[in-house]
Amino acid sequence: MPNAGDGVEKRPLSIEAAMTGVLALLVDARERAISDEKNAPKTEVLLSGAGMAIEDIATVTGKKYDAVRMAIRRGKAK
């Protein structure tokens, strides 16, 4: 990781990048915690219900757009 002495200019971290990183960590922790629970709602469904777009959910979960879209569709059909 570069430091100030490497001639790399530091720039402030955007709030969007910071929040995306935090959310990705929380999603990962939740996915690990519910991995054995069959009736737990999918993370994708919860994030969609909170108003997140499929593209954003795919970004924070590390899943493909179509996989997220299908998970949401299936979760809402239950």
PDB file of N, CA and C in Angstrom:
ATOM      1  N   MET A   1       0.847  -1.174   0.000  1.00  0.00           N
ATOM      2  CA  MET A   1       0.000   0.000   0.000  1.00  0.00           C
ATOM      3  C   MET A   1       0.887   1.229   0.000  1.00  0.00           C
ATOM      4  N   PRO A   2       0.662   2.148  -0.933  1.00  0.00           N
ATOM      5  CA  PRO A   2       1.532   3.318  -0.998  1.00  0.00           C
ATOM      6  C   PRO A   2       1.324   4.249   0.185  1.00  0.00           C
ATOM      7  N   ASN A   3       2.395   4.922   0.580  1.00  0.00           N
ATOM      8  CA  ASN A   3       2.260   5.931   1.622  1.00  0.00           C
ATOM      9  C   ASN A   3       2.691   7.276   1.059  1.00  0.00           C
ATOM     10  N   ALA A   4       2.568   8.310   1.845  1.00  0.00           N
ATOM     11  CA  ALA A   4       2.831   9.667   1.367  1.00  0.00           C
ATOM     12  C   ALA A   4       4.244   9.833   0.839  1.00  0.00           C
ATOM     13  N   GLY A   5       5.188   9.069   1.335  1.00  0.00           N
ATOM     14  CA  GLY A   5       6.569   9.170   0.895  1.00  0.00           C
ATOM     15  C   GLY A   5       6.822   8.538  -0.461  1.00  0.00           C
ATOM     16  N   ASP A   6       5.854   7.842  -1.031  1.00  0.00           N
ATOM     17  CA  ASP A   6       6.010   7.177  -2.320  1.00  0.00           C
ATOM     18  C   ASP A   6       5.708   8.087  -3.505  1.00  0.00           C
ATOM     19  N   GLY A   7       5.416   9.348  -3.248  1.00  0.00           N
ATOM     20  CA  GLY A   7       5.083  10.259  -4.322  1.00  0.00           C
ATOM     21  C   GLY A   7       3.660  10.086  -4.833  1.00  0.00           C
ATOM     22  N   VAL A   8       2.849   9.315  -4.108  1.00  0.00           N
ATOM     23  CA  VAL A   8       1.455   9.118  -4.485  1.00  0.00           C
ATOM     24  C   VAL A   8       0.620  10.130  -3.719  1.00  0.00           C
ATOM     25  N   GLU A   9      -0.155  10.898  -4.480  1.00  0.00           N
ATOM     26  CA  GLU A   9      -0.991  11.906  -3.836  1.00  0.00           C
ATOM     27  C   GLU A   9      -2.167  11.238  -3.139  1.00  0.00           C
ATOM     28  N   LYS A  10      -2.362  11.581  -1.873  1.00  0.00           N
ATOM     29  CA  LYS A  10      -3.508  11.055  -1.134  1.00  0.00           C
ATOM     30  C   LYS A  10      -4.740  11.859  -1.503  1.00  0.00           C
ATOM     31  N   ARG A  11      -5.844  11.177  -1.654  1.00  0.00           N
ATOM     32  CA  ARG A  11      -7.109  11.856  -1.896  1.00  0.00           C
ATOM     33  C   ARG A  11      -8.104  11.356  -0.874  1.00  0.00           C
ATOM     34  N   PRO A  12      -9.041  12.183  -0.503  1.00  0.00           N
ATOM     35  CA  PRO A  12     -10.024  11.751   0.487  1.00  0.00           C
ATOM     36  C   PRO A  12     -10.901  10.629  -0.071  1.00  0.00           C
ATOM     37  N   LEU A  13     -11.288   9.740   0.795  1.00  0.00           N
ATOM     38  CA  LEU A  13     -12.177   8.642   0.433  1.00  0.00           C
ATOM     39  C   LEU A  13     -13.591   9.193   0.323  1.00  0.00           C
ATOM     40  N   SER A  14     -14.251   8.895  -0.793  1.00  0.00           N
ATOM     41  CA  SER A  14     -15.626   9.394  -0.947  1.00  0.00           C
ATOM     42  C   SER A  14     -16.542   8.646   0.010  1.00  0.00           C
ATOM     43  N   ILE A  15     -17.598   9.296   0.399  1.00  0.00           N
ATOM     44  CA  ILE A  15     -18.566   8.667   1.305  1.00  0.00           C
ATOM     45  C   ILE A  15     -19.192   7.455   0.633  1.00  0.00           C
ATOM     46  N   GLU A  16     -19.408   7.525  -0.680  1.00  0.00           N
ATOM     47  CA  GLU A  16     -20.002   6.396  -1.397  1.00  0.00           C
ATOM     48  C   GLU A  16     -19.082   5.181  -1.353  1.00  0.00           C
ATOM     49  N   ALA A  17     -17.802   5.386  -1.590  1.00  0.00           N
ATOM     50  CA  ALA A  17     -16.842   4.280  -1.561  1.00  0.00           C
ATOM     51  C   ALA A  17     -16.729   3.699  -0.159  1.00  0.00           C
ATOM     52  N   ALA A  18     -16.716   4.564   0.841  1.00  0.00           N
ATOM     53  CA  ALA A  18     -16.625   4.100   2.223  1.00  0.00           C
ATOM     54  C   ALA A  18     -17.850   3.281   2.609  1.00  0.00           C
ATOM     55  N   MET A  19     -19.032   3.772   2.282  1.00  0.00           N
ATOM     56  CA  MET A  19     -20.262   3.068   2.635  1.00  0.00           C
ATOM     57  C   MET A  19     -20.398   1.753   1.863  1.00  0.00           C
ATOM     58  N   THR A  20     -19.966   1.731   0.604  1.00  0.00           N
ATOM     59  CA  THR A  20     -19.998   0.491  -0.166  1.00  0.00           C
ATOM     60  C   THR A  20     -19.094  -0.550   0.480  1.00  0.00           C
ATOM     61  N   GLY A  21     -17.925  -0.126   0.925  1.00  0.00           N
ATOM     62  CA  GLY A  21     -17.011  -1.043   1.596  1.00  0.00           C
ATOM     63  C   GLY A  21     -17.580  -1.583   2.896  1.00  0.00           C
ATOM     64  N   VAL A  22     -18.156  -0.715   3.690  1.00  0.00           N
ATOM     65  CA  VAL A  22     -18.761  -1.134   4.961  1.00  0.00           C
ATOM     66  C   VAL A  22     -19.921  -2.086   4.705  1.00  0.00           C
ATOM     67  N   LEU A  23     -20.758  -1.750   3.749  1.00  0.00           N
ATOM     68  CA  LEU A  23     -21.900  -2.606   3.439  1.00  0.00           C
ATOM     69  C   LEU A  23     -21.444  -3.969   2.929  1.00  0.00           C
ATOM     70  N   ALA A  24     -20.405  -3.995   2.113  1.00  0.00           N
ATOM     71  CA  ALA A  24     -19.882  -5.278   1.619  1.00  0.00           C
ATOM     72  C   ALA A  24     -19.403  -6.154   2.772  1.00  0.00           C
ATOM     73  N   LEU A  25     -18.755  -5.560   3.762  1.00  0.00           N
ATOM     74  CA  LEU A  25     -18.309  -6.322   4.931  1.00  0.00           C
ATOM     75  C   LEU A  25     -19.494  -6.852   5.739  1.00  0.00           C
ATOM     76  N   LEU A  26     -20.517  -6.028   5.904  1.00  0.00           N
ATOM     77  CA  LEU A  26     -21.710  -6.465   6.627  1.00  0.00           C
ATOM     78  C   LEU A  26     -22.452  -7.575   5.879  1.00  0.00           C
ATOM     79  N   VAL A  27     -22.529  -7.458   4.568  1.00  0.00           N
ATOM     80  CA  VAL A  27     -23.167  -8.499   3.759  1.00  0.00           C
ATOM     81  C   VAL A  27     -22.414  -9.809   3.914  1.00  0.00           C
ATOM     82  N   ASP A  28     -21.095  -9.750   3.843  1.00  0.00           N
ATOM     83  CA  ASP A  28     -20.284 -10.959   3.993  1.00  0.00           C
ATOM     84  C   ASP A  28     -20.518 -11.595   5.362  1.00  0.00           C
ATOM     85  N   ALA A  29     -20.540 -10.799   6.416  1.00  0.00           N
ATOM     86  CA  ALA A  29     -20.771 -11.334   7.763  1.00  0.00           C
ATOM     87  C   ALA A  29     -22.150 -11.968   7.864  1.00  0.00           C
ATOM     88  N   ARG A  30     -23.159 -11.328   7.270  1.00  0.00           N
ATOM     89  CA  ARG A  30     -24.513 -11.886   7.313  1.00  0.00           C
ATOM     90  C   ARG A  30     -24.589 -13.196   6.534  1.00  0.00           C
ATOM     91  N   GLU A  31     -23.983 -13.225   5.361  1.00  0.00           N
ATOM     92  CA  GLU A  31     -24.008 -14.443   4.542  1.00  0.00           C
ATOM     93  C   GLU A  31     -23.374 -15.619   5.290  1.00  0.00           C
ATOM     94  N   ARG A  32     -22.292 -15.348   5.985  1.00  0.00           N
ATOM     95  CA  ARG A  32     -21.644 -16.408   6.776  1.00  0.00           C
ATOM     96  C   ARG A  32     -22.532 -16.856   7.930  1.00  0.00           C
ATOM     97  N   ALA A  33     -23.187 -15.902   8.576  1.00  0.00           N
ATOM     98  CA  ALA A  33     -24.012 -16.217   9.746  1.00  0.00           C
ATOM     99  C   ALA A  33     -25.250 -17.022   9.385  1.00  0.00           C
ATOM    100  N   ILE A  34     -25.819 -16.803   8.205  1.00  0.00           N
ATOM    101  CA  ILE A  34     -27.057 -17.490   7.836  1.00  0.00           C
ATOM    102  C   ILE A  34     -26.825 -18.670   6.902  1.00  0.00           C
ATOM    103  N   SER A  35     -25.584 -19.026   6.669  1.00  0.00           N
ATOM    104  CA  SER A  35     -25.287 -20.056   5.669  1.00  0.00           C
ATOM    105  C   SER A  35     -26.001 -21.382   5.928  1.00  0.00           C
ATOM    106  N   ASP A  36     -26.304 -21.705   7.163  1.00  0.00           N
ATOM    107  CA  ASP A  36     -26.982 -22.966   7.485  1.00  0.00           C
ATOM    108  C   ASP A  36     -28.483 -22.806   7.719  1.00  0.00           C
ATOM    109  N   GLU A  37     -28.976 -21.592   7.649  1.00  0.00           N
ATOM    110  CA  GLU A  37     -30.399 -21.337   7.894  1.00  0.00           C
ATOM    111  C   GLU A  37     -31.166 -21.332   6.572  1.00  0.00           C
ATOM    112  N   LYS A  38     -32.038 -22.306   6.406  1.00  0.00           N
ATOM    113  CA  LYS A  38     -32.764 -22.436   5.148  1.00  0.00           C
ATOM    114  C   LYS A  38     -33.886 -21.413   4.996  1.00  0.00           C
ATOM    115  N   ASN A  39     -34.475 -20.968   6.084  1.00  0.00           N
ATOM    116  CA  ASN A  39     -35.618 -20.059   6.006  1.00  0.00           C
ATOM    117  C   ASN A  39     -35.251 -18.586   6.139  1.00  0.00           C
ATOM    118  N   ALA A  40     -33.988 -18.289   6.281  1.00  0.00           N
ATOM    119  CA  ALA A  40     -33.567 -16.894   6.407  1.00  0.00           C
ATOM    120  C   ALA A  40     -33.773 -16.182   5.069  1.00  0.00           C
ATOM    121  N   PRO A  41     -34.283 -14.958   5.113  1.00  0.00           N
ATOM    122  CA  PRO A  41     -34.453 -14.234   3.849  1.00  0.00           C
ATOM    123  C   PRO A  41     -33.102 -13.961   3.196  1.00  0.00           C
ATOM    124  N   LYS A  42     -33.087 -14.017   1.888  1.00  0.00           N
ATOM    125  CA  LYS A  42     -31.848 -13.757   1.153  1.00  0.00           C
ATOM    126  C   LYS A  42     -31.437 -12.303   1.352  1.00  0.00           C
ATOM    127  N   THR A  43     -30.154 -12.101   1.439  1.00  0.00           N
ATOM    128  CA  THR A  43     -29.613 -10.759   1.589  1.00  0.00           C
ATOM    129  C   THR A  43     -30.062  -9.867   0.440  1.00  0.00           C
ATOM    130  N   GLU A  44     -30.099 -10.417  -0.757  1.00  0.00           N
ATOM    131  CA  GLU A  44     -30.507  -9.648  -1.925  1.00  0.00           C
ATOM    132  C   GLU A  44     -31.932  -9.104  -1.769  1.00  0.00           C
ATOM    133  N   VAL A  45     -32.810  -9.913  -1.204  1.00  0.00           N
ATOM    134  CA  VAL A  45     -34.198  -9.509  -1.007  1.00  0.00           C
ATOM    135  C   VAL A  45     -34.278  -8.389   0.030  1.00  0.00           C
ATOM    136  N   LEU A  46     -33.519  -8.518   1.100  1.00  0.00           N
ATOM    137  CA  LEU A  46     -33.520  -7.479   2.133  1.00  0.00           C
ATOM    138  C   LEU A  46     -33.008  -6.148   1.588  1.00  0.00           C
ATOM    139  N   LEU A  47     -31.927  -6.201   0.824  1.00  0.00           N
ATOM    140  CA  LEU A  47     -31.369  -4.972   0.266  1.00  0.00           C
ATOM    141  C   LEU A  47     -32.311  -4.354  -0.762  1.00  0.00           C
ATOM    142  N   SER A  48     -32.964  -5.196  -1.546  1.00  0.00           N
ATOM    143  CA  SER A  48     -33.938  -4.706  -2.513  1.00  0.00           C
ATOM    144  C   SER A  48     -35.109  -4.044  -1.788  1.00  0.00           C
ATOM    145  N   GLY A  49     -35.562  -4.657  -0.720  1.00  0.00           N
ATOM    146  CA  GLY A  49     -36.651  -4.090   0.075  1.00  0.00           C
ATOM    147  C   GLY A  49     -36.277  -2.759   0.710  1.00  0.00           C
ATOM    148  N   ALA A  50     -34.981  -2.563   0.927  1.00  0.00           N
ATOM    149  CA  ALA A  50     -34.505  -1.295   1.489  1.00  0.00           C
ATOM    150  C   ALA A  50     -34.347  -0.226   0.413  1.00  0.00           C
ATOM    151  N   GLY A  51     -34.646  -0.602  -0.840  1.00  0.00           N
ATOM    152  CA  GLY A  51     -34.602   0.377  -1.915  1.00  0.00           C
ATOM    153  C   GLY A  51     -33.361   0.367  -2.773  1.00  0.00           C
ATOM    154  N   MET A  52     -32.462  -0.580  -2.564  1.00  0.00           N
ATOM    155  CA  MET A  52     -31.246  -0.629  -3.378  1.00  0.00           C
ATOM    156  C   MET A  52     -31.544  -1.186  -4.758  1.00  0.00           C
ATOM    157  N   ALA A  53     -30.855  -0.655  -5.759  1.00  0.00           N
ATOM    158  CA  ALA A  53     -30.982  -1.127  -7.132  1.00  0.00           C
ATOM    159  C   ALA A  53     -30.226  -2.442  -7.298  1.00  0.00           C
ATOM    160  N   ILE A  54     -30.661  -3.233  -8.254  1.00  0.00           N
ATOM    161  CA  ILE A  54     -30.027  -4.530  -8.506  1.00  0.00           C
ATOM    162  C   ILE A  54     -28.532  -4.359  -8.779  1.00  0.00           C
ATOM    163  N   GLU A  55     -28.159  -3.350  -9.544  1.00  0.00           N
ATOM    164  CA  GLU A  55     -26.740  -3.116  -9.859  1.00  0.00           C
ATOM    165  C   GLU A  55     -25.928  -2.891  -8.586  1.00  0.00           C
ATOM    166  N   ASP A  56     -26.491  -2.129  -7.659  1.00  0.00           N
ATOM    167  CA  ASP A  56     -25.786  -1.840  -6.409  1.00  0.00           C
ATOM    168  C   ASP A  56     -25.704  -3.080  -5.524  1.00  0.00           C
ATOM    169  N   ILE A  57     -26.770  -3.860  -5.506  1.00  0.00           N
ATOM    170  CA  ILE A  57     -26.766  -5.103  -4.725  1.00  0.00           C
ATOM    171  C   ILE A  57     -25.715  -6.051  -5.277  1.00  0.00           C
ATOM    172  N   ALA A  58     -25.625  -6.142  -6.586  1.00  0.00           N
ATOM    173  CA  ALA A  58     -24.606  -6.990  -7.210  1.00  0.00           C
ATOM    174  C   ALA A  58     -23.205  -6.535  -6.815  1.00  0.00           C
ATOM    175  N   THR A  59     -23.005  -5.239  -6.756  1.00  0.00           N
ATOM    176  CA  THR A  59     -21.694  -4.700  -6.376  1.00  0.00           C
ATOM    177  C   THR A  59     -21.322  -5.094  -4.955  1.00  0.00           C
ATOM    178  N   VAL A  60     -22.220  -4.883  -4.001  1.00  0.00           N
ATOM    179  CA  VAL A  60     -21.868  -5.141  -2.604  1.00  0.00           C
ATOM    180  C   VAL A  60     -21.859  -6.619  -2.256  1.00  0.00           C
ATOM    181  N   THR A  61     -22.594  -7.443  -3.005  1.00  0.00           N
ATOM    182  CA  THR A  61     -22.593  -8.879  -2.716  1.00  0.00           C
ATOM    183  C   THR A  61     -21.535  -9.625  -3.510  1.00  0.00           C
ATOM    184  N   GLY A  62     -21.025  -8.993  -4.557  1.00  0.00           N
ATOM    185  CA  GLY A  62     -20.036  -9.656  -5.397  1.00  0.00           C
ATOM    186  C   GLY A  62     -20.663 -10.702  -6.311  1.00  0.00           C
ATOM    187  N   LYS A  63     -21.968 -10.577  -6.542  1.00  0.00           N
ATOM    188  CA  LYS A  63     -22.679 -11.535  -7.385  1.00  0.00           C
ATOM    189  C   LYS A  63     -23.033 -10.878  -8.718  1.00  0.00           C
ATOM    190  N   LYS A  64     -23.345 -11.710  -9.690  1.00  0.00           N
ATOM    191  CA  LYS A  64     -23.706 -11.199 -11.012  1.00  0.00           C
ATOM    192  C   LYS A  64     -25.117 -10.624 -10.987  1.00  0.00           C
ATOM    193  N   TYR A  65     -25.333  -9.651 -11.860  1.00  0.00           N
ATOM    194  CA  TYR A  65     -26.622  -8.967 -11.953  1.00  0.00           C
ATOM    195  C   TYR A  65     -27.775  -9.959 -12.080  1.00  0.00           C
ATOM    196  N   ASP A  66     -27.668 -10.899 -13.011  1.00  0.00           N
ATOM    197  CA  ASP A  66     -28.758 -11.854 -13.234  1.00  0.00           C
ATOM    198  C   ASP A  66     -29.013 -12.743 -12.022  1.00  0.00           C
ATOM    199  N   ALA A  67     -27.963 -13.109 -11.305  1.00  0.00           N
ATOM    200  CA  ALA A  67     -28.128 -13.935 -10.100  1.00  0.00           C
ATOM    201  C   ALA A  67     -28.876 -13.151  -9.027  1.00  0.00           C
ATOM    202  N   VAL A  68     -28.554 -11.883  -8.888  1.00  0.00           N
ATOM    203  CA  VAL A  68     -29.239 -11.033  -7.911  1.00  0.00           C
ATOM    204  C   VAL A  68     -30.698 -10.861  -8.303  1.00  0.00           C
ATOM    205  N   ARG A  69     -30.938 -10.587  -9.577  1.00  0.00           N
ATOM    206  CA  ARG A  69     -32.310 -10.400 -10.063  1.00  0.00           C
ATOM    207  C   ARG A  69     -33.158 -11.633  -9.800  1.00  0.00           C
ATOM    208  N   MET A  70     -32.601 -12.811 -10.069  1.00  0.00           N
ATOM    209  CA  MET A  70     -33.340 -14.058  -9.840  1.00  0.00           C
ATOM    210  C   MET A  70     -33.572 -14.314  -8.359  1.00  0.00           C
ATOM    211  N   ALA A  71     -32.588 -14.035  -7.523  1.00  0.00           N
ATOM    212  CA  ALA A  71     -32.752 -14.223  -6.071  1.00  0.00           C
ATOM    213  C   ALA A  71     -33.875 -13.335  -5.541  1.00  0.00           C
ATOM    214  N   ILE A  72     -33.946 -12.109  -6.041  1.00  0.00           N
ATOM    215  CA  ILE A  72     -34.997 -11.197  -5.611  1.00  0.00           C
ATOM    216  C   ILE A  72     -36.354 -11.695  -6.096  1.00  0.00           C
ATOM    217  N   ARG A  73     -36.413 -12.106  -7.330  1.00  0.00           N
ATOM    218  CA  ARG A  73     -37.683 -12.613  -7.885  1.00  0.00           C
ATOM    219  C   ARG A  73     -38.170 -13.820  -7.106  1.00  0.00           C
ATOM    220  N   ARG A  74     -37.273 -14.747  -6.835  1.00  0.00           N
ATOM    221  CA  ARG A  74     -37.643 -15.962  -6.084  1.00  0.00           C
ATOM    222  C   ARG A  74     -38.020 -15.617  -4.646  1.00  0.00           C
ATOM    223  N   GLY A  75     -37.292 -14.704  -4.044  1.00  0.00           N
ATOM    224  CA  GLY A  75     -37.580 -14.329  -2.663  1.00  0.00           C
ATOM    225  C   GLY A  75     -38.922 -13.645  -2.507  1.00  0.00           C
ATOM    226  N   LYS A  76     -39.297 -12.859  -3.477  1.00  0.00           N
ATOM    227  CA  LYS A  76     -40.585 -12.179  -3.419  1.00  0.00           C
ATOM    228  C   LYS A  76     -41.739 -13.122  -3.719  1.00  0.00           C
ATOM    229  N   ALA A  77     -41.452 -14.219  -4.415  1.00  0.00           N
ATOM    230  CA  ALA A  77     -42.500 -15.184  -4.765  1.00  0.00           C
ATOM    231  C   ALA A  77     -42.891 -16.062  -3.578  1.00  0.00           C
ATOM    232  N   LYS A  78     -42.062 -16.082  -2.543  1.00  0.00           N
ATOM    233  CA  LYS A  78     -42.338 -16.946  -1.375  1.00  0.00           C
ATOM    234  C   LYS A  78     -43.515 -16.455  -0.585  1.00  0.00           C
TER     235      LYS A  78
END
